[in-house]
C-alpha atoms as a PDB file:
ATOM      1  CA  MET A   1      77.391-110.284  15.953  1.00  0.00           C
ATOM      2  CA  GLY A   2      77.579-106.466  16.227  1.00  0.00           C
ATOM      3  CA  LEU A   3      77.368-106.127  12.520  1.00  0.00           C
ATOM      4  CA  ALA A   4      74.398-108.511  12.331  1.00  0.00           C
ATOM      5  CA  LEU A   5      72.621-106.575  15.103  1.00  0.00           C
ATOM      6  CA  GLY A   6      73.237-103.410  13.279  1.00  0.00           C
ATOM      7  CA  VAL A   7      71.762-104.773  10.055  1.00  0.00           C
ATOM      8  CA  LYS A   8      68.796-106.175  11.785  1.00  0.00           C
ATOM      9  CA  ASN A   9      68.035-102.772  13.398  1.00  0.00           C
ATOM     10  CA  ILE A  10      68.451-100.900  10.219  1.00  0.00           C
ATOM     11  CA  LEU A  11      66.069-103.341   8.336  1.00  0.00           C
ATOM     12  CA  SER A  12      63.617-102.997  11.235  1.00  0.00           C
ATOM     13  CA  LEU A  13      63.596 -99.301  11.010  1.00  0.00           C
ATOM     14  CA  LEU A  14      63.254 -99.275   7.172  1.00  0.00           C
ATOM     15  CA  THR A  15      60.499-101.946   7.144  1.00  0.00           C
ATOM     16  CA  SER A  16      58.483-100.793  10.269  1.00  0.00           C
ATOM     17  CA  GLY A  17      58.875 -97.099  10.003  1.00  0.00           C
ATOM     18  CA  ARG A  18      59.198 -96.826   6.235  1.00  0.00           C
ATOM     19  CA  TRP A  19      60.008 -93.166   6.654  1.00  0.00           C
ATOM     20  CA  TRP A  20      63.031 -93.684   4.523  1.00  0.00           C
ATOM     21  CA  PHE A  21      60.807 -94.128   1.490  1.00  0.00           C
ATOM     22  CA  GLY A  22      58.390 -91.408   2.480  1.00  0.00           C
ATOM     23  CA  LEU A  23      55.645 -93.935   3.143  1.00  0.00           C
ATOM     24  CA  PRO A  24      53.595 -94.018   6.325  1.00  0.00           C
ATOM     25  CA  HIS A  25      53.748 -96.445   9.009  1.00  0.00           C
ATOM     26  CA  PRO A  26      51.558 -99.574   8.233  1.00  0.00           C
ATOM     27  CA  LEU A  27      49.707 -99.226  11.514  1.00  0.00           C
ATOM     28  CA  VAL A  28      48.904 -95.668  11.077  1.00  0.00           C
ATOM     29  CA  HIS A  29      45.562 -95.423   9.265  1.00  0.00           C
ATOM     30  CA  ASP A  30      45.297 -92.848   6.510  1.00  0.00           C
ATOM     31  CA  PRO A  31      42.124 -90.785   6.204  1.00  0.00           C
ATOM     32  CA  VAL A  32      39.758 -91.986   3.448  1.00  0.00           C
ATOM     33  CA  PRO A  33      41.007 -90.587   0.157  1.00  0.00           C
ATOM     34  CA  ILE A  34      39.027 -87.932  -1.671  1.00  0.00           C
ATOM     35  CA  LEU A  35      38.235 -89.375  -5.103  1.00  0.00           C
ATOM     36  CA  PRO A  36      38.012 -87.157  -8.067  1.00  0.00           C
ATOM     37  CA  LEU A  37      34.865 -86.340  -9.840  1.00  0.00           C
ATOM     38  CA  ILE A  38      33.892 -88.043 -13.061  1.00  0.00           C
ATOM     39  CA  THR A  39      31.821 -87.058 -16.164  1.00  0.00           C
ATOM     40  CA  VAL A  40      30.059 -90.018 -17.539  1.00  0.00           C
ATOM     41  CA  LEU A  41      29.538 -90.392 -21.337  1.00  0.00           C
ATOM     42  CA  ILE A  42      26.568 -92.567 -22.414  1.00  0.00           C
ATOM     43  CA  PRO A  43      26.179 -93.049 -26.239  1.00  0.00           C
ATOM     44  CA  ALA A  44      22.683 -94.178 -27.191  1.00  0.00           C
ATOM     45  CA  PHE A  45      21.053 -95.344 -30.390  1.00  0.00           C
ATOM     46  CA  ASN A  46      17.461 -96.485 -30.271  1.00  0.00           C
ATOM     47  CA  GLU A  47      17.636 -97.309 -26.497  1.00  0.00           C
ATOM     48  CA  GLU A  48      14.113 -96.265 -25.422  1.00  0.00           C
ATOM     49  CA  ASP A  49      13.709 -99.521 -23.384  1.00  0.00           C
ATOM     50  CA  CYS A  50      16.783 -99.079 -21.279  1.00  0.00           C
ATOM     51  CA  ILE A  51      18.192 -95.458 -21.430  1.00  0.00           C
ATOM     52  CA  ALA A  52      16.252 -94.390 -18.283  1.00  0.00           C
ATOM     53  CA  GLY A  53      17.568 -97.214 -16.152  1.00  0.00           C
ATOM     54  CA  THR A  54      21.073 -96.356 -17.334  1.00  0.00           C
ATOM     55  CA  ILE A  55      20.744 -92.722 -16.459  1.00  0.00           C
ATOM     56  CA  GLU A  56      19.241 -93.486 -13.211  1.00  0.00           C
ATOM     57  CA  SER A  57      22.148 -95.836 -12.288  1.00  0.00           C
ATOM     58  CA  ALA A  58      24.687 -93.242 -13.233  1.00  0.00           C
ATOM     59  CA  LEU A  59      22.817 -90.580 -11.016  1.00  0.00           C
ATOM     60  CA  GLN A  60      23.176 -92.886  -8.001  1.00  0.00           C
ATOM     61  CA  GLN A  61      26.972 -92.978  -8.223  1.00  0.00           C
ATOM     62  CA  GLU A  62      28.667 -90.969  -5.639  1.00  0.00           C
ATOM     63  CA  HIS A  63      31.428 -89.283  -7.542  1.00  0.00           C
ATOM     64  CA  VAL A  64      29.601 -88.538 -10.781  1.00  0.00           C
ATOM     65  CA  PHE A  65      29.858 -84.828 -11.486  1.00  0.00           C
ATOM     66  CA  ASN A  66      27.744 -84.845 -14.705  1.00  0.00           C
ATOM     67  CA  ILE A  67      26.438 -87.186 -17.271  1.00  0.00           C
ATOM     68  CA  LEU A  68      26.509 -86.510 -20.949  1.00  0.00           C
ATOM     69  CA  VAL A  69      23.945 -88.606 -22.890  1.00  0.00           C
ATOM     70  CA  ILE A  70      24.453 -88.699 -26.562  1.00  0.00           C
ATOM     71  CA  ASN A  71      21.516 -89.377 -28.726  1.00  0.00           C
ATOM     72  CA  ASP A  72      23.068 -90.812 -31.896  1.00  0.00           C
ATOM     73  CA  GLY A  73      20.354 -90.165 -34.298  1.00  0.00           C
ATOM     74  CA  SER A  74      17.829 -92.431 -32.768  1.00  0.00           C
ATOM     75  CA  THR A  75      14.492 -93.035 -34.372  1.00  0.00           C
ATOM     76  CA  ASP A  76      12.590 -94.110 -31.311  1.00  0.00           C
ATOM     77  CA  ALA A  77      11.770 -92.198 -28.150  1.00  0.00           C
ATOM     78  CA  THR A  78      15.397 -92.176 -26.847  1.00  0.00           C
ATOM     79  CA  GLY A  79      15.749 -88.350 -27.461  1.00  0.00           C
ATOM     80  CA  SER A  80      12.682 -87.480 -25.535  1.00  0.00           C
ATOM     81  CA  ILE A  81      13.646 -89.571 -22.650  1.00  0.00           C
ATOM     82  CA  ILE A  82      17.181 -87.947 -22.603  1.00  0.00           C
ATOM     83  CA  ASP A  83      15.488 -84.481 -22.752  1.00  0.00           C
ATOM     84  CA  ARG A  84      13.179 -85.385 -19.699  1.00  0.00           C
ATOM     85  CA  TYR A  85      16.103 -86.235 -17.652  1.00  0.00           C
ATOM     86  CA  ALA A  86      17.983 -83.153 -18.656  1.00  0.00           C
ATOM     87  CA  LYS A  87      15.118 -81.111 -17.477  1.00  0.00           C
ATOM     88  CA  LEU A  88      14.777 -82.971 -14.180  1.00  0.00           C
ATOM     89  CA  TYR A  89      18.512 -82.688 -13.528  1.00  0.00           C
ATOM     90  CA  PRO A  90      19.792 -79.420 -15.200  1.00  0.00           C
ATOM     91  CA  GLY A  91      23.521 -79.255 -15.299  1.00  0.00           C
ATOM     92  CA  LYS A  92      23.797 -82.793 -14.012  1.00  0.00           C
ATOM     93  CA  VAL A  93      22.365 -84.614 -16.997  1.00  0.00           C
ATOM     94  CA  VAL A  94      23.128 -83.100 -20.491  1.00  0.00           C
ATOM     95  CA  GLY A  95      21.545 -84.463 -23.637  1.00  0.00           C
ATOM     96  CA  LEU A  96      23.608 -84.013 -26.889  1.00  0.00           C
ATOM     97  CA  HIS A  97      21.616 -84.791 -30.052  1.00  0.00           C
ATOM     98  CA  GLN A  98      22.945 -85.796 -33.388  1.00  0.00           C
ATOM     99  CA  ALA A  99      20.343 -85.750 -36.133  1.00  0.00           C
ATOM    100  CA  LYS A 100      22.062 -88.254 -38.275  1.00  0.00           C
ATOM    101  CA  ALA A 101      23.503 -91.283 -36.673  1.00  0.00           C
ATOM    102  CA  ALA A 102      27.304 -91.374 -36.801  1.00  0.00           C
ATOM    103  CA  GLY A 103      26.925 -95.183 -37.367  1.00  0.00           C
ATOM    104  CA  HIS A 104      29.200 -96.259 -34.606  1.00  0.00           C
ATOM    105  CA  LYS A 105      29.760 -95.632 -31.042  1.00  0.00           C
ATOM    106  CA  ALA A 106      33.149 -93.793 -31.518  1.00  0.00           C
ATOM    107  CA  GLY A 107      31.304 -91.150 -33.575  1.00  0.00           C
ATOM    108  CA  ALA A 108      28.907 -90.366 -30.875  1.00  0.00           C
ATOM    109  CA  LEU A 109      31.758 -90.417 -28.239  1.00  0.00           C
ATOM    110  CA  ASN A 110      33.779 -88.053 -30.350  1.00  0.00           C
ATOM    111  CA  LYS A 111      30.900 -85.710 -30.408  1.00  0.00           C
ATOM    112  CA  ALA A 112      30.659 -85.770 -26.690  1.00  0.00           C
ATOM    113  CA  LEU A 113      34.275 -85.254 -26.197  1.00  0.00           C
ATOM    114  CA  ARG A 114      34.060 -82.031 -28.368  1.00  0.00           C
ATOM    115  CA  ASP A 115      31.248 -80.979 -26.286  1.00  0.00           C
ATOM    116  CA  ALA A 116      32.643 -82.101 -22.968  1.00  0.00           C
ATOM    117  CA  THR A 117      33.783 -78.490 -22.123  1.00  0.00           C
ATOM    118  CA  VAL A 118      30.616 -78.500 -19.977  1.00  0.00           C
ATOM    119  CA  SER A 119      32.323 -80.618 -17.502  1.00  0.00           C
ATOM    120  CA  GLN A 120      34.880 -79.621 -14.935  1.00  0.00           C
ATOM    121  CA  ALA A 121      35.501 -83.229 -13.888  1.00  0.00           C
ATOM    122  CA  PRO A 122      39.081 -84.458 -14.364  1.00  0.00           C
ATOM    123  CA  ILE A 123      37.970 -87.862 -15.371  1.00  0.00           C
ATOM    124  CA  ILE A 124      35.767 -89.046 -18.137  1.00  0.00           C
ATOM    125  CA  GLY A 125      34.217 -92.554 -18.279  1.00  0.00           C
ATOM    126  CA  VAL A 126      31.981 -94.261 -20.634  1.00  0.00           C
ATOM    127  CA  ILE A 127      29.120 -96.740 -20.061  1.00  0.00           C
ATOM    128  CA  ASP A 128      26.888 -98.332 -22.686  1.00  0.00           C
ATOM    129  CA  ALA A 129      23.289 -97.294 -22.600  1.00  0.00           C
ATOM    130  CA  ASP A 130      22.196-100.921 -22.494  1.00  0.00           C
END
Protein backbone atom coordinates (compact mmCIF):
# COMPACT_ATOMS: atom_id res chain seq x y z
CA MET A 1 0.00 0.00 0.00
CA GLY A 2 2.82 2.39 0.89
CA LEU A 3 4.58 1.75 -2.42
CA ALA A 4 1.40 2.23 -4.43
CA LEU A 5 0.64 5.47 -2.63
CA GLY A 6 4.18 6.69 -3.31
CA VAL A 7 3.92 5.89 -7.05
CA LYS A 8 0.54 7.58 -7.20
CA ASN A 9 1.92 10.74 -5.61
CA ILE A 10 4.93 10.77 -7.92
CA LEU A 11 2.75 10.30 -11.01
CA SER A 12 0.42 13.03 -9.80
CA LEU A 13 3.34 15.38 -9.30
CA LEU A 14 4.80 14.63 -12.72
CA THR A 15 1.53 14.91 -14.62
CA SER A 16 -0.06 17.87 -12.87
CA GLY A 17 3.02 19.96 -12.12
CA ARG A 18 5.01 18.83 -15.16
CA TRP A 19 7.94 20.79 -13.72
CA TRP A 20 10.14 17.74 -14.18
CA PHE A 21 9.96 18.12 -17.95
CA GLY A 22 10.23 21.92 -17.94
CA LEU A 23 6.60 22.29 -19.04
CA PRO A 24 4.14 24.75 -17.52
CA HIS A 25 1.23 23.61 -15.46
CA PRO A 26 -1.81 22.92 -17.72
CA LEU A 27 -3.99 25.30 -15.69
CA VAL A 28 -1.53 28.20 -15.98
CA HIS A 29 -2.27 30.19 -19.10
CA ASP A 30 0.72 31.22 -21.15
CA PRO A 31 0.75 34.69 -22.70
CA VAL A 32 -0.07 34.94 -26.37
CA PRO A 33 3.03 33.91 -28.31
CA ILE A 34 4.77 36.52 -30.42
CA LEU A 35 4.78 35.27 -33.97
CA PRO A 36 7.74 36.05 -36.22
CA LEU A 37 7.45 38.35 -39.19
CA ILE A 38 7.03 36.95 -42.69
CA THR A 39 8.17 38.03 -46.14
CA VAL A 40 5.64 37.01 -48.77
CA LEU A 41 6.78 36.20 -52.32
CA ILE A 42 4.19 36.52 -55.09
CA PRO A 43 5.31 35.38 -58.55
CA ALA A 44 3.11 36.82 -61.31
CA PHE A 45 2.89 36.32 -65.06
CA ASN A 46 0.06 38.13 -66.89
CA GLU A 47 -2.07 38.43 -63.77
CA GLU A 48 -3.53 41.92 -64.31
CA ASP A 49 -7.03 40.69 -63.41
CA CYS A 50 -6.12 39.41 -59.95
CA ILE A 51 -2.74 40.76 -58.79
CA ALA A 52 -4.24 43.80 -57.02
CA GLY A 53 -6.55 41.59 -54.94
CA THR A 54 -3.68 39.26 -54.05
CA ILE A 55 -1.47 42.15 -52.90
CA GLU A 56 -4.37 43.68 -50.95
CA SER A 57 -5.00 40.35 -49.22
CA ALA A 58 -1.32 40.00 -48.27
CA LEU A 59 -1.27 43.58 -46.95
CA GLN A 60 -4.13 42.77 -44.57
CA GLN A 61 -2.24 39.93 -42.88
CA GLU A 62 -0.98 40.87 -39.45
CA HIS A 63 2.52 39.38 -39.46
CA VAL A 64 3.60 40.24 -43.00
CA PHE A 65 6.81 42.30 -42.88
CA ASN A 66 7.02 42.92 -46.60
CA ILE A 67 5.79 41.61 -49.92
CA LEU A 68 8.03 40.89 -52.89
CA VAL A 69 5.99 40.71 -56.08
CA ILE A 70 7.91 39.22 -59.01
CA ASN A 71 6.71 40.29 -62.44
CA ASP A 72 7.92 37.39 -64.55
CA GLY A 73 8.01 39.11 -67.94
CA SER A 74 4.29 39.88 -68.14
CA THR A 75 3.00 41.36 -71.38
CA ASP A 76 -0.13 42.86 -69.82
CA ALA A 77 -0.57 45.56 -67.14
CA THR A 78 0.71 43.37 -64.27
CA GLY A 79 3.97 45.33 -64.00
CA SER A 80 2.29 48.72 -63.74
CA ILE A 81 -0.12 47.44 -61.08
CA ILE A 82 2.82 46.12 -59.06
CA ASP A 83 4.61 49.47 -59.43
CA ARG A 84 1.50 51.32 -58.24
CA TYR A 85 1.41 49.26 -55.03
CA ALA A 86 5.14 49.68 -54.52
CA LYS A 87 4.63 53.47 -54.64
CA LEU A 88 1.61 53.33 -52.32
CA TYR A 89 3.43 51.14 -49.77
CA PRO A 90 7.16 51.93 -50.05
CA GLY A 91 9.28 49.36 -48.25
CA LYS A 92 6.26 47.16 -47.61
CA VAL A 93 5.59 46.18 -51.24
CA VAL A 94 8.62 45.67 -53.46
CA GLY A 95 8.23 45.04 -57.18
CA LEU A 96 10.85 42.93 -58.92
CA HIS A 97 10.71 42.87 -62.71
CA GLN A 98 12.19 40.37 -65.12
CA ALA A 99 12.21 41.55 -68.73
CA LYS A 100 12.04 38.01 -70.02
CA ALA A 101 9.85 35.38 -68.44
CA ALA A 102 11.74 32.64 -66.64
CA GLY A 103 9.12 30.31 -68.06
CA HIS A 104 8.21 28.79 -64.75
CA LYS A 105 7.30 29.75 -61.23
CA ALA A 106 10.60 28.47 -59.81
CA GLY A 107 12.62 30.90 -61.94
CA ALA A 108 10.65 33.86 -60.64
CA LEU A 109 10.98 32.65 -57.06
CA ASN A 110 14.74 32.15 -57.45
CA LYS A 111 15.04 35.78 -58.55
CA ALA A 112 13.08 36.88 -55.50
CA LEU A 113 15.21 34.78 -53.19
CA ARG A 114 18.37 36.33 -54.65
CA ASP A 115 16.86 39.78 -54.08
CA ALA A 116 15.27 38.92 -50.73
CA THR A 117 18.05 40.69 -48.90
CA VAL A 118 15.65 43.65 -48.65
CA SER A 119 13.77 41.60 -46.06
CA GLN A 120 14.69 41.23 -42.42
CA ALA A 121 11.91 38.72 -41.80
CA PRO A 122 13.04 35.28 -40.62
CA ILE A 123 10.32 33.41 -42.55
CA ILE A 124 9.62 33.49 -46.28
CA GLY A 125 6.25 32.37 -47.62
CA VAL A 126 4.93 32.01 -51.16
CA ILE A 127 1.44 32.64 -52.48
CA ASP A 128 0.26 32.44 -56.07
CA ALA A 129 -0.92 35.61 -57.76
CA ASP A 130 -4.23 34.03 -58.64
